[in-house]
Amino acid sequence: MDDRKHSWCVLEELNHGTSGMEGEGNFVSNLDDEMKEILAEFMVVVVQFEELVEVGRKYLIRFQQALEVLQHPSIYESSELVRSIIKANKTKRINAYVEAGCINAFNNTNNVSHLNTSLGDLRDFLTQAKIIIDKLESLVDKAGNALIMNQSSEQVVASQKLDAADCASYIAVIYSMLKQDYTMQNNIVSSLNFTTSNGELESYCLMWMLRPFINDGVIHQALRYTSIR
């Protein structure tokens, strides 16, 4: 099932279950409290994802910096002036540098090591992020099940219907945003290699930072709603 359709099923269940019901007086229902508890649990996991995304962004920047150094032209190729100085001063050290292809082998080895480490860290990030996304999905299902179990109850008063609807809306919308954000990050990491251009990496870093699928206002509202700081 499409992820956005999966998220919105929570709202559909709520609308179906509460349509045509009338409640008043001393009716008692746990739906409102249950949905608030699910939302609070959901937002704790959302905060974990937000923190993890920032860690992943640092890994991506580290990869970009190491690859930029590796792809940087050798000093011999940097200018005519440098080439003329090297040709005019053929010391043993200079000759060894030229024979090595104008590349510092030690620095290159270090950079390759940094690149491999950064790639490994980014892949670990994806693994941890997927675990969190799966937790969020299970809470989406939990909210949907809570609504289904209460859909035929006549003990749900009007104010509680509204609170449950608010919780369901936050869960559905935020899950959809984070799933799309994770998909973007997965696509970025999957495309990285030693030949990725600096221009591509700059775009990836920018998208990772801007997070175009995320509406911070909605997340902050949900955090205030559940009193999570």
C-alpha atoms as a PDB file:
ATOM      1  CA  MET A   1       0.000   0.000   0.000  1.00  0.00           C
ATOM      2  CA  ASP A   2       1.232   3.533  -0.745  1.00  0.00           C
ATOM      3  CA  ASP A   3       2.738   5.085   2.408  1.00  0.00           C
ATOM      4  CA  ARG A   4       0.536   8.179   2.280  1.00  0.00           C
ATOM      5  CA  LYS A   5      -2.595   6.055   1.822  1.00  0.00           C
ATOM      6  CA  HIS A   6      -1.460   3.913   4.740  1.00  0.00           C
ATOM      7  CA  SER A   7      -1.158   7.021   6.923  1.00  0.00           C
ATOM      8  CA  TRP A   8      -4.486   8.513   5.980  1.00  0.00           C
ATOM      9  CA  CYS A   9      -6.342   5.279   6.782  1.00  0.00           C
ATOM     10  CA  VAL A  10      -6.176   6.379  10.424  1.00  0.00           C
ATOM     11  CA  LEU A  11      -8.295   9.416   9.604  1.00  0.00           C
ATOM     12  CA  GLU A  12     -10.653   7.400   7.434  1.00  0.00           C
ATOM     13  CA  GLU A  13     -11.301   4.967  10.282  1.00  0.00           C
ATOM     14  CA  LEU A  14     -12.019   7.863  12.627  1.00  0.00           C
ATOM     15  CA  ASN A  15     -14.459   9.551  10.241  1.00  0.00           C
ATOM     16  CA  HIS A  16     -16.237   6.251   9.568  1.00  0.00           C
ATOM     17  CA  GLY A  17     -16.415   5.285  13.204  1.00  0.00           C
ATOM     18  CA  THR A  18     -17.752   8.578  14.599  1.00  0.00           C
ATOM     19  CA  SER A  19     -20.219   9.577  11.876  1.00  0.00           C
ATOM     20  CA  GLY A  20     -23.790   9.675  13.071  1.00  0.00           C
ATOM     21  CA  MET A  21     -22.970   9.018  16.761  1.00  0.00           C
ATOM     22  CA  GLU A  22     -24.456  11.178  19.504  1.00  0.00           C
ATOM     23  CA  GLY A  23     -23.066  11.266  23.013  1.00  0.00           C
ATOM     24  CA  GLU A  24     -23.702  13.442  26.046  1.00  0.00           C
ATOM     25  CA  GLY A  25     -23.995  13.448  29.822  1.00  0.00           C
ATOM     26  CA  ASN A  26     -21.927  11.075  31.908  1.00  0.00           C
ATOM     27  CA  PHE A  27     -20.696   8.773  29.153  1.00  0.00           C
ATOM     28  CA  VAL A  28     -17.186   7.497  29.867  1.00  0.00           C
ATOM     29  CA  SER A  29     -14.697   6.568  27.135  1.00  0.00           C
ATOM     30  CA  ASN A  30     -10.978   5.909  27.106  1.00  0.00           C
ATOM     31  CA  LEU A  31     -10.561   6.715  23.407  1.00  0.00           C
ATOM     32  CA  ASP A  32      -9.416  10.278  24.004  1.00  0.00           C
ATOM     33  CA  ASP A  33      -6.807   9.327  26.610  1.00  0.00           C
ATOM     34  CA  GLU A  34      -5.669   6.306  24.618  1.00  0.00           C
ATOM     35  CA  MET A  35      -5.108   8.374  21.467  1.00  0.00           C
ATOM     36  CA  LYS A  36      -3.209  11.019  23.417  1.00  0.00           C
ATOM     37  CA  GLU A  37      -0.970   8.335  24.891  1.00  0.00           C
ATOM     38  CA  ILE A  38      -0.319   6.892  21.433  1.00  0.00           C
ATOM     39  CA  LEU A  39       0.489  10.356  20.077  1.00  0.00           C
ATOM     40  CA  ALA A  40       2.851  11.032  22.985  1.00  0.00           C
ATOM     41  CA  GLU A  41       4.634   7.726  22.345  1.00  0.00           C
ATOM     42  CA  PHE A  42       4.700   8.533  18.628  1.00  0.00           C
ATOM     43  CA  MET A  43       6.289  11.957  19.203  1.00  0.00           C
ATOM     44  CA  VAL A  44       9.019  10.487  21.418  1.00  0.00           C
ATOM     45  CA  VAL A  45      10.048   8.348  18.442  1.00  0.00           C
ATOM     46  CA  VAL A  46       9.764  11.370  16.119  1.00  0.00           C
ATOM     47  CA  VAL A  47      12.248  13.264  18.306  1.00  0.00           C
ATOM     48  CA  GLN A  48      14.623  10.292  18.074  1.00  0.00           C
ATOM     49  CA  PHE A  49      14.370  10.422  14.283  1.00  0.00           C
ATOM     50  CA  GLU A  50      15.021  14.185  14.243  1.00  0.00           C
ATOM     51  CA  GLU A  51      18.172  13.739  16.308  1.00  0.00           C
ATOM     52  CA  LEU A  52      19.357  10.883  14.102  1.00  0.00           C
ATOM     53  CA  VAL A  53      18.862  12.940  10.925  1.00  0.00           C
ATOM     54  CA  GLU A  54      21.237  15.591  12.280  1.00  0.00           C
ATOM     55  CA  VAL A  55      23.855  12.908  12.968  1.00  0.00           C
ATOM     56  CA  GLY A  56      23.430  11.619   9.407  1.00  0.00           C
ATOM     57  CA  ARG A  57      23.886  15.140   8.039  1.00  0.00           C
ATOM     58  CA  LYS A  58      27.282  15.361   9.761  1.00  0.00           C
ATOM     59  CA  TYR A  59      28.302  12.019   8.244  1.00  0.00           C
ATOM     60  CA  LEU A  60      27.343  13.294   4.787  1.00  0.00           C
ATOM     61  CA  ILE A  61      29.366  16.489   5.240  1.00  0.00           C
ATOM     62  CA  ARG A  62      32.371  14.448   6.371  1.00  0.00           C
ATOM     63  CA  PHE A  63      32.052  12.288   3.242  1.00  0.00           C
ATOM     64  CA  GLN A  64      31.839  15.417   1.076  1.00  0.00           C
ATOM     65  CA  GLN A  65      34.973  16.919   2.616  1.00  0.00           C
ATOM     66  CA  ALA A  66      37.025  13.730   2.218  1.00  0.00           C
ATOM     67  CA  LEU A  67      35.921  13.224  -1.383  1.00  0.00           C
ATOM     68  CA  GLU A  68      36.660  16.847  -2.248  1.00  0.00           C
ATOM     69  CA  VAL A  69      40.251  16.416  -1.068  1.00  0.00           C
ATOM     70  CA  LEU A  70      40.615  13.140  -2.972  1.00  0.00           C
ATOM     71  CA  GLN A  71      39.296  14.675  -6.194  1.00  0.00           C
ATOM     72  CA  HIS A  72      41.324  17.861  -5.837  1.00  0.00           C
ATOM     73  CA  PRO A  73      43.833  18.310  -8.695  1.00  0.00           C
ATOM     74  CA  SER A  74      47.471  17.678  -7.842  1.00  0.00           C
ATOM     75  CA  ILE A  75      49.731  20.611  -7.096  1.00  0.00           C
ATOM     76  CA  TYR A  76      51.514  19.984 -10.403  1.00  0.00           C
ATOM     77  CA  GLU A  77      48.297  20.630 -12.306  1.00  0.00           C
ATOM     78  CA  SER A  78      47.259  23.686 -10.295  1.00  0.00           C
ATOM     79  CA  SER A  79      49.039  26.358 -12.360  1.00  0.00           C
ATOM     80  CA  GLU A  80      51.767  27.084 -14.913  1.00  0.00           C
ATOM     81  CA  LEU A  81      53.803  28.816 -12.210  1.00  0.00           C
ATOM     82  CA  VAL A  82      53.872  25.705 -10.031  1.00  0.00           C
ATOM     83  CA  ARG A  83      54.822  23.505 -12.987  1.00  0.00           C
ATOM     84  CA  SER A  84      57.705  25.809 -13.896  1.00  0.00           C
ATOM     85  CA  ILE A  85      58.993  25.811 -10.307  1.00  0.00           C
ATOM     86  CA  ILE A  86      58.886  22.004 -10.148  1.00  0.00           C
ATOM     87  CA  LYS A  87      60.694  21.667 -13.476  1.00  0.00           C
ATOM     88  CA  ALA A  88      63.374  24.120 -12.373  1.00  0.00           C
ATOM     89  CA  ASN A  89      63.968  22.458  -9.016  1.00  0.00           C
ATOM     90  CA  LYS A  90      64.302  18.720  -9.500  1.00  0.00           C
ATOM     91  CA  THR A  91      65.167  17.746  -5.952  1.00  0.00           C
ATOM     92  CA  LYS A  92      64.946  14.149  -4.766  1.00  0.00           C
ATOM     93  CA  ARG A  93      61.727  14.901  -2.918  1.00  0.00           C
ATOM     94  CA  ILE A  94      60.193  16.644  -5.940  1.00  0.00           C
ATOM     95  CA  ASN A  95      61.242  13.807  -8.265  1.00  0.00           C
ATOM     96  CA  ALA A  96      59.611  11.247  -5.954  1.00  0.00           C
ATOM     97  CA  TYR A  97      56.422  13.316  -5.924  1.00  0.00           C
ATOM     98  CA  VAL A  98      56.322  13.557  -9.726  1.00  0.00           C
ATOM     99  CA  GLU A  99      57.083   9.839 -10.125  1.00  0.00           C
ATOM    100  CA  ALA A 100      54.138   9.098  -7.814  1.00  0.00           C
ATOM    101  CA  GLY A 101      51.865  10.929 -10.227  1.00  0.00           C
ATOM    102  CA  CYS A 102      51.986  14.171  -8.245  1.00  0.00           C
ATOM    103  CA  ILE A 103      49.924  12.525  -5.529  1.00  0.00           C
ATOM    104  CA  ASN A 104      50.703  12.174  -1.847  1.00  0.00           C
ATOM    105  CA  ALA A 105      50.061   8.476  -1.345  1.00  0.00           C
ATOM    106  CA  PHE A 106      49.781   8.777   2.439  1.00  0.00           C
ATOM    107  CA  ASN A 107      47.143  11.506   2.235  1.00  0.00           C
ATOM    108  CA  ASN A 108      45.235   9.560  -0.391  1.00  0.00           C
ATOM    109  CA  THR A 109      45.191   6.461   1.785  1.00  0.00           C
ATOM    110  CA  ASN A 110      43.875   8.505   4.697  1.00  0.00           C
ATOM    111  CA  ASN A 111      41.175  10.106   2.556  1.00  0.00           C
ATOM    112  CA  VAL A 112      40.020   6.761   1.185  1.00  0.00           C
ATOM    113  CA  SER A 113      39.856   5.469   4.754  1.00  0.00           C
ATOM    114  CA  HIS A 114      37.759   8.493   5.784  1.00  0.00           C
ATOM    115  CA  LEU A 115      35.451   7.961   2.807  1.00  0.00           C
ATOM    116  CA  ASN A 116      34.902   4.306   3.649  1.00  0.00           C
ATOM    117  CA  THR A 117      34.258   5.177   7.293  1.00  0.00           C
ATOM    118  CA  SER A 118      31.766   7.880   6.335  1.00  0.00           C
ATOM    119  CA  LEU A 119      29.943   5.559   3.942  1.00  0.00           C
ATOM    120  CA  GLY A 120      29.760   2.905   6.638  1.00  0.00           C
ATOM    121  CA  ASP A 121      28.389   5.443   9.113  1.00  0.00           C
ATOM    122  CA  LEU A 122      25.765   6.604   6.598  1.00  0.00           C
ATOM    123  CA  ARG A 123      24.661   3.028   5.978  1.00  0.00           C
ATOM    124  CA  ASP A 124      24.410   2.476   9.728  1.00  0.00           C
ATOM    125  CA  PHE A 125      22.317   5.640   9.864  1.00  0.00           C
ATOM    126  CA  LEU A 126      19.921   4.171   7.296  1.00  0.00           C
ATOM    127  CA  THR A 127      19.598   0.983   9.335  1.00  0.00           C
ATOM    128  CA  GLN A 128      18.776   2.901  12.510  1.00  0.00           C
ATOM    129  CA  ALA A 129      16.439   5.274  10.654  1.00  0.00           C
ATOM    130  CA  LYS A 130      14.534   2.328   9.147  1.00  0.00           C
ATOM    131  CA  ILE A 131      14.060   0.861  12.626  1.00  0.00           C
ATOM    132  CA  ILE A 132      12.562   4.160  13.778  1.00  0.00           C
ATOM    133  CA  ILE A 133      10.305   4.434  10.709  1.00  0.00           C
ATOM    134  CA  ASP A 134       9.059   0.902  11.399  1.00  0.00           C
ATOM    135  CA  LYS A 135       8.299   1.906  15.009  1.00  0.00           C
ATOM    136  CA  LEU A 136       6.321   4.889  13.756  1.00  0.00           C
ATOM    137  CA  GLU A 137       4.399   2.681  11.335  1.00  0.00           C
ATOM    138  CA  SER A 138       3.494   0.296  14.151  1.00  0.00           C
ATOM    139  CA  LEU A 139       2.130   3.252  16.136  1.00  0.00           C
ATOM    140  CA  VAL A 140       0.090   4.344  13.104  1.00  0.00           C
ATOM    141  CA  ASP A 141      -1.421   0.848  13.095  1.00  0.00           C
ATOM    142  CA  LYS A 142      -1.953   1.019  16.857  1.00  0.00           C
ATOM    143  CA  ALA A 143      -3.880   4.278  16.496  1.00  0.00           C
ATOM    144  CA  GLY A 144      -5.976   2.817  13.685  1.00  0.00           C
ATOM    145  CA  ASN A 145      -6.814  -0.243  15.769  1.00  0.00           C
ATOM    146  CA  ALA A 146      -7.836   1.946  18.713  1.00  0.00           C
ATOM    147  CA  LEU A 147     -10.250   3.828  16.477  1.00  0.00           C
ATOM    148  CA  ILE A 148     -11.689   0.634  15.004  1.00  0.00           C
ATOM    149  CA  MET A 149     -12.306  -0.863  18.448  1.00  0.00           C
ATOM    150  CA  ASN A 150     -14.173   2.268  19.535  1.00  0.00           C
ATOM    151  CA  GLN A 151     -16.014   2.995  16.304  1.00  0.00           C
ATOM    152  CA  SER A 152     -19.277   1.372  17.445  1.00  0.00           C
ATOM    153  CA  SER A 153     -19.203   2.716  20.988  1.00  0.00           C
ATOM    154  CA  GLU A 154     -21.926   5.191  21.875  1.00  0.00           C
ATOM    155  CA  GLN A 155     -19.951   6.347  24.896  1.00  0.00           C
ATOM    156  CA  VAL A 156     -17.671   8.704  22.944  1.00  0.00           C
ATOM    157  CA  VAL A 157     -18.695  12.261  23.699  1.00  0.00           C
ATOM    158  CA  ALA A 158     -18.292  15.043  21.131  1.00  0.00           C
ATOM    159  CA  SER A 159     -15.265  16.668  22.793  1.00  0.00           C
ATOM    160  CA  GLN A 160     -13.466  13.344  22.853  1.00  0.00           C
ATOM    161  CA  LYS A 161     -14.149  12.775  19.160  1.00  0.00           C
ATOM    162  CA  LEU A 162     -12.412  16.063  18.400  1.00  0.00           C
ATOM    163  CA  ASP A 163      -9.378  15.210  20.568  1.00  0.00           C
ATOM    164  CA  ALA A 164      -9.067  11.779  18.988  1.00  0.00           C
ATOM    165  CA  ALA A 165      -9.315  13.362  15.534  1.00  0.00           C
ATOM    166  CA  ASP A 166      -6.524  15.814  16.361  1.00  0.00           C
ATOM    167  CA  CYS A 167      -4.267  12.994  17.519  1.00  0.00           C
ATOM    168  CA  ALA A 168      -5.046  10.901  14.451  1.00  0.00           C
ATOM    169  CA  SER A 169      -4.333  13.869  12.165  1.00  0.00           C
ATOM    170  CA  TYR A 170      -0.931  14.510  13.720  1.00  0.00           C
ATOM    171  CA  ILE A 171       0.037  10.840  13.536  1.00  0.00           C
ATOM    172  CA  ALA A 172      -1.019  10.445   9.904  1.00  0.00           C
ATOM    173  CA  VAL A 173       0.539  13.671   8.613  1.00  0.00           C
ATOM    174  CA  ILE A 174       3.835  13.420  10.503  1.00  0.00           C
ATOM    175  CA  TYR A 175       4.354   9.761   9.601  1.00  0.00           C
ATOM    176  CA  SER A 176       3.870  10.576   5.913  1.00  0.00           C
ATOM    177  CA  MET A 177       6.396  13.432   6.110  1.00  0.00           C
ATOM    178  CA  LEU A 178       9.057  11.399   7.889  1.00  0.00           C
ATOM    179  CA  LYS A 179       8.657   8.404   5.587  1.00  0.00           C
ATOM    180  CA  GLN A 180       9.246  10.640   2.553  1.00  0.00           C
ATOM    181  CA  ASP A 181      12.217  12.256   4.312  1.00  0.00           C
ATOM    182  CA  TYR A 182      13.730   8.827   5.007  1.00  0.00           C
ATOM    183  CA  THR A 183      13.180   7.758   1.390  1.00  0.00           C
ATOM    184  CA  MET A 184      15.072  10.844   0.196  1.00  0.00           C
ATOM    185  CA  GLN A 185      17.962  10.122   2.575  1.00  0.00           C
ATOM    186  CA  ASN A 186      18.055   6.493   1.471  1.00  0.00           C
ATOM    187  CA  ASN A 187      18.249   7.569  -2.179  1.00  0.00           C
ATOM    188  CA  ILE A 188      21.072   9.993  -1.392  1.00  0.00           C
ATOM    189  CA  VAL A 189      23.183   7.450   0.485  1.00  0.00           C
ATOM    190  CA  SER A 190      22.553   4.764  -2.157  1.00  0.00           C
ATOM    191  CA  SER A 191      23.889   7.060  -4.886  1.00  0.00           C
ATOM    192  CA  LEU A 192      27.181   7.907  -3.148  1.00  0.00           C
ATOM    193  CA  ASN A 193      30.494   6.608  -4.478  1.00  0.00           C
ATOM    194  CA  PHE A 194      34.042   7.813  -5.075  1.00  0.00           C
ATOM    195  CA  THR A 195      33.067   9.371  -8.427  1.00  0.00           C
ATOM    196  CA  THR A 196      30.178  11.475  -7.112  1.00  0.00           C
ATOM    197  CA  SER A 197      30.771  15.052  -8.251  1.00  0.00           C
ATOM    198  CA  ASN A 198      31.174  17.926  -5.818  1.00  0.00           C
ATOM    199  CA  GLY A 199      28.133  19.595  -7.367  1.00  0.00           C
ATOM    200  CA  GLU A 200      25.998  16.538  -6.659  1.00  0.00           C
ATOM    201  CA  LEU A 201      27.247  16.362  -3.082  1.00  0.00           C
ATOM    202  CA  GLU A 202      26.476  20.034  -2.493  1.00  0.00           C
ATOM    203  CA  SER A 203      22.916  19.414  -3.700  1.00  0.00           C
ATOM    204  CA  TYR A 204      22.586  16.340  -1.486  1.00  0.00           C
ATOM    205  CA  CYS A 205      23.832  18.220   1.588  1.00  0.00           C
ATOM    206  CA  LEU A 206      21.437  21.076   0.868  1.00  0.00           C
ATOM    207  CA  MET A 207      18.426  18.769   0.494  1.00  0.00           C
ATOM    208  CA  TRP A 208      19.396  16.893   3.660  1.00  0.00           C
ATOM    209  CA  MET A 209      19.530  20.186   5.559  1.00  0.00           C
ATOM    210  CA  LEU A 210      16.365  21.740   4.036  1.00  0.00           C
ATOM    211  CA  ARG A 211      14.268  18.537   4.340  1.00  0.00           C
ATOM    212  CA  PRO A 212      11.646  19.620   1.763  1.00  0.00           C
ATOM    213  CA  PHE A 213       9.047  17.069   2.892  1.00  0.00           C
ATOM    214  CA  ILE A 214       9.042  18.230   6.523  1.00  0.00           C
ATOM    215  CA  ASN A 215       6.696  20.871   7.937  1.00  0.00           C
ATOM    216  CA  ASP A 216       8.357  21.890  11.194  1.00  0.00           C
ATOM    217  CA  GLY A 217       5.246  23.777  12.273  1.00  0.00           C
ATOM    218  CA  VAL A 218       3.162  20.601  12.377  1.00  0.00           C
ATOM    219  CA  ILE A 219       5.804  18.759  14.405  1.00  0.00           C
ATOM    220  CA  HIS A 220       6.120  21.633  16.886  1.00  0.00           C
ATOM    221  CA  GLN A 221       2.339  21.774  17.299  1.00  0.00           C
ATOM    222  CA  ALA A 222       2.235  18.056  18.033  1.00  0.00           C
ATOM    223  CA  LEU A 223       5.066  18.415  20.550  1.00  0.00           C
ATOM    224  CA  ARG A 224       3.202  21.206  22.328  1.00  0.00           C
ATOM    225  CA  TYR A 225       0.011  19.149  22.225  1.00  0.00           C
ATOM    226  CA  THR A 226       1.727  16.279  24.007  1.00  0.00           C
ATOM    227  CA  SER A 227       3.866  18.546  26.238  1.00  0.00           C
ATOM    228  CA  ILE A 228       7.118  17.010  24.944  1.00  0.00           C
ATOM    229  CA  ARG A 229      10.086  19.359  25.170  1.00  0.00           C
END
